[in-house]
Amino acid sequence: MAKRQNVKWLEEQGIGEEDEVTVCELFDQYVRQGREEGRREGMQEGRAEGEARRLVADIENAMKFFQVTLEKACEGLGTTVGKYEEAKRML
């Protein structure tokens, strides 16, 4: 199975069996791909954390400003206590 994954990856990189490729070139391509994947994952995590911070802040501000319970603040903002608690755990 690993061999098939490697062949698929080589094809995605535009490298054919007949091409001469050094181990260093392959390693460099693996490193570049890993960095790209890491950046994408980091951006996704950053967005999720930002959304969680915003949700928690909005709910807590609504509770304070309107002097309401967590449940009422969530209801007013169109979310649930469960989503608030999940967002709070992310932080």
C-alpha atoms as a PDB file:
ATOM      1  CA  MET A   1       0.000   0.000   0.000  1.00  0.00           C
ATOM      2  CA  ALA A   2       2.828   2.420   0.831  1.00  0.00           C
ATOM      3  CA  LYS A   3       4.330   1.784  -2.594  1.00  0.00           C
ATOM      4  CA  ARG A   4       1.042   2.770  -4.263  1.00  0.00           C
ATOM      5  CA  GLN A   5       0.948   5.964  -2.201  1.00  0.00           C
ATOM      6  CA  ASN A   6       4.502   6.789  -3.239  1.00  0.00           C
ATOM      7  CA  VAL A   7       3.739   6.138  -6.898  1.00  0.00           C
ATOM      8  CA  LYS A   8       0.632   8.310  -6.649  1.00  0.00           C
ATOM      9  CA  TRP A   9       2.614  11.084  -4.989  1.00  0.00           C
ATOM     10  CA  LEU A  10       5.308  10.900  -7.679  1.00  0.00           C
ATOM     11  CA  GLU A  11       2.630  11.144 -10.369  1.00  0.00           C
ATOM     12  CA  GLU A  12       1.103  14.163  -8.617  1.00  0.00           C
ATOM     13  CA  GLN A  13       4.536  15.786  -8.648  1.00  0.00           C
ATOM     14  CA  GLY A  14       4.877  15.111 -12.369  1.00  0.00           C
ATOM     15  CA  ILE A  15       7.711  12.639 -11.889  1.00  0.00           C
ATOM     16  CA  GLY A  16       7.695   9.585 -14.131  1.00  0.00           C
ATOM     17  CA  GLU A  17       9.526   6.311 -13.650  1.00  0.00           C
ATOM     18  CA  GLU A  18      11.898   7.214 -16.457  1.00  0.00           C
ATOM     19  CA  ASP A  19      12.924  10.499 -14.810  1.00  0.00           C
ATOM     20  CA  GLU A  20      16.188  10.676 -12.953  1.00  0.00           C
ATOM     21  CA  VAL A  21      15.485  11.984  -9.491  1.00  0.00           C
ATOM     22  CA  THR A  22      17.889  12.125  -6.596  1.00  0.00           C
ATOM     23  CA  VAL A  23      16.951  11.265  -3.052  1.00  0.00           C
ATOM     24  CA  CYS A  24      17.733  14.856  -2.102  1.00  0.00           C
ATOM     25  CA  GLU A  25      15.244  16.162  -4.667  1.00  0.00           C
ATOM     26  CA  LEU A  26      12.566  13.824  -3.372  1.00  0.00           C
ATOM     27  CA  PHE A  27      13.315  14.805   0.216  1.00  0.00           C
ATOM     28  CA  ASP A  28      13.093  18.507  -0.691  1.00  0.00           C
ATOM     29  CA  GLN A  29       9.717  17.934  -2.349  1.00  0.00           C
ATOM     30  CA  TYR A  30       8.430  15.993   0.677  1.00  0.00           C
ATOM     31  CA  VAL A  31       9.587  18.808   2.957  1.00  0.00           C
ATOM     32  CA  ARG A  32       7.917  21.477   0.810  1.00  0.00           C
ATOM     33  CA  GLN A  33       4.680  19.485   0.704  1.00  0.00           C
ATOM     34  CA  GLY A  34       4.804  19.005   4.480  1.00  0.00           C
ATOM     35  CA  ARG A  35       5.271  22.712   5.036  1.00  0.00           C
ATOM     36  CA  GLU A  36       2.371  23.555   2.736  1.00  0.00           C
ATOM     37  CA  GLU A  37       0.113  21.087   4.514  1.00  0.00           C
ATOM     38  CA  GLY A  38       1.235  22.463   7.873  1.00  0.00           C
ATOM     39  CA  ARG A  39       0.454  26.029   6.829  1.00  0.00           C
ATOM     40  CA  ARG A  40      -3.012  25.029   5.628  1.00  0.00           C
ATOM     41  CA  GLU A  41      -3.743  23.162   8.855  1.00  0.00           C
ATOM     42  CA  GLY A  42      -2.426  26.073  10.910  1.00  0.00           C
ATOM     43  CA  MET A  43      -4.656  28.525   9.071  1.00  0.00           C
ATOM     44  CA  GLN A  44      -7.695  26.304   9.623  1.00  0.00           C
ATOM     45  CA  GLU A  45      -6.913  25.970  13.317  1.00  0.00           C
ATOM     46  CA  GLY A  46      -6.375  29.721  13.576  1.00  0.00           C
ATOM     47  CA  ARG A  47      -9.739  30.443  11.987  1.00  0.00           C
ATOM     48  CA  ALA A  48     -11.490  27.974  14.272  1.00  0.00           C
ATOM     49  CA  GLU A  49      -9.842  29.504  17.333  1.00  0.00           C
ATOM     50  CA  GLY A  50     -10.777  33.004  16.173  1.00  0.00           C
ATOM     51  CA  GLU A  51     -14.398  31.989  15.681  1.00  0.00           C
ATOM     52  CA  ALA A  52     -14.414  30.354  19.124  1.00  0.00           C
ATOM     53  CA  ARG A  53     -12.976  33.512  20.738  1.00  0.00           C
ATOM     54  CA  ARG A  54     -15.583  35.661  19.009  1.00  0.00           C
ATOM     55  CA  LEU A  55     -18.464  33.405  20.076  1.00  0.00           C
ATOM     56  CA  VAL A  56     -17.314  33.276  23.700  1.00  0.00           C
ATOM     57  CA  ALA A  57     -16.749  37.048  23.803  1.00  0.00           C
ATOM     58  CA  ASP A  58     -20.128  37.796  22.209  1.00  0.00           C
ATOM     59  CA  ILE A  59     -22.001  35.541  24.634  1.00  0.00           C
ATOM     60  CA  GLU A  60     -20.159  36.804  27.694  1.00  0.00           C
ATOM     61  CA  ASN A  61     -20.685  40.421  26.619  1.00  0.00           C
ATOM     62  CA  ALA A  62     -24.396  39.770  26.076  1.00  0.00           C
ATOM     63  CA  MET A  63     -24.661  38.168  29.534  1.00  0.00           C
ATOM     64  CA  LYS A  64     -22.943  41.146  31.154  1.00  0.00           C
ATOM     65  CA  PHE A  65     -24.657  43.921  29.187  1.00  0.00           C
ATOM     66  CA  PHE A  66     -28.188  42.529  29.298  1.00  0.00           C
ATOM     67  CA  GLN A  67     -27.814  40.873  32.718  1.00  0.00           C
ATOM     68  CA  VAL A  68     -29.094  37.557  31.388  1.00  0.00           C
ATOM     69  CA  THR A  69     -28.232  33.914  31.957  1.00  0.00           C
ATOM     70  CA  LEU A  70     -25.935  31.941  29.709  1.00  0.00           C
ATOM     71  CA  GLU A  71     -28.935  30.177  28.232  1.00  0.00           C
ATOM     72  CA  LYS A  72     -30.701  33.453  27.364  1.00  0.00           C
ATOM     73  CA  ALA A  73     -27.538  34.980  25.900  1.00  0.00           C
ATOM     74  CA  CYS A  74     -27.019  31.900  23.705  1.00  0.00           C
ATOM     75  CA  GLU A  75     -30.650  31.939  22.632  1.00  0.00           C
ATOM     76  CA  GLY A  76     -30.445  35.628  21.774  1.00  0.00           C
ATOM     77  CA  LEU A  77     -27.358  35.073  19.673  1.00  0.00           C
ATOM     78  CA  GLY A  78     -28.805  32.052  17.898  1.00  0.00           C
ATOM     79  CA  THR A  79     -26.496  29.443  19.356  1.00  0.00           C
ATOM     80  CA  THR A  80     -26.546  26.795  22.059  1.00  0.00           C
ATOM     81  CA  VAL A  81     -24.921  26.414  25.443  1.00  0.00           C
ATOM     82  CA  GLY A  82     -23.192  23.319  24.054  1.00  0.00           C
ATOM     83  CA  LYS A  83     -21.551  25.314  21.265  1.00  0.00           C
ATOM     84  CA  TYR A  84     -20.495  27.968  23.788  1.00  0.00           C
ATOM     85  CA  GLU A  85     -18.949  25.322  26.054  1.00  0.00           C
ATOM     86  CA  GLU A  86     -17.180  23.691  23.110  1.00  0.00           C
ATOM     87  CA  ALA A  87     -15.779  27.071  22.031  1.00  0.00           C
ATOM     88  CA  LYS A  88     -14.670  27.810  25.585  1.00  0.00           C
ATOM     89  CA  ARG A  89     -12.763  24.497  25.724  1.00  0.00           C
ATOM     90  CA  MET A  90     -10.879  25.433  22.535  1.00  0.00           C
ATOM     91  CA  LEU A  91      -9.383  28.463  24.214  1.00  0.00           C
END
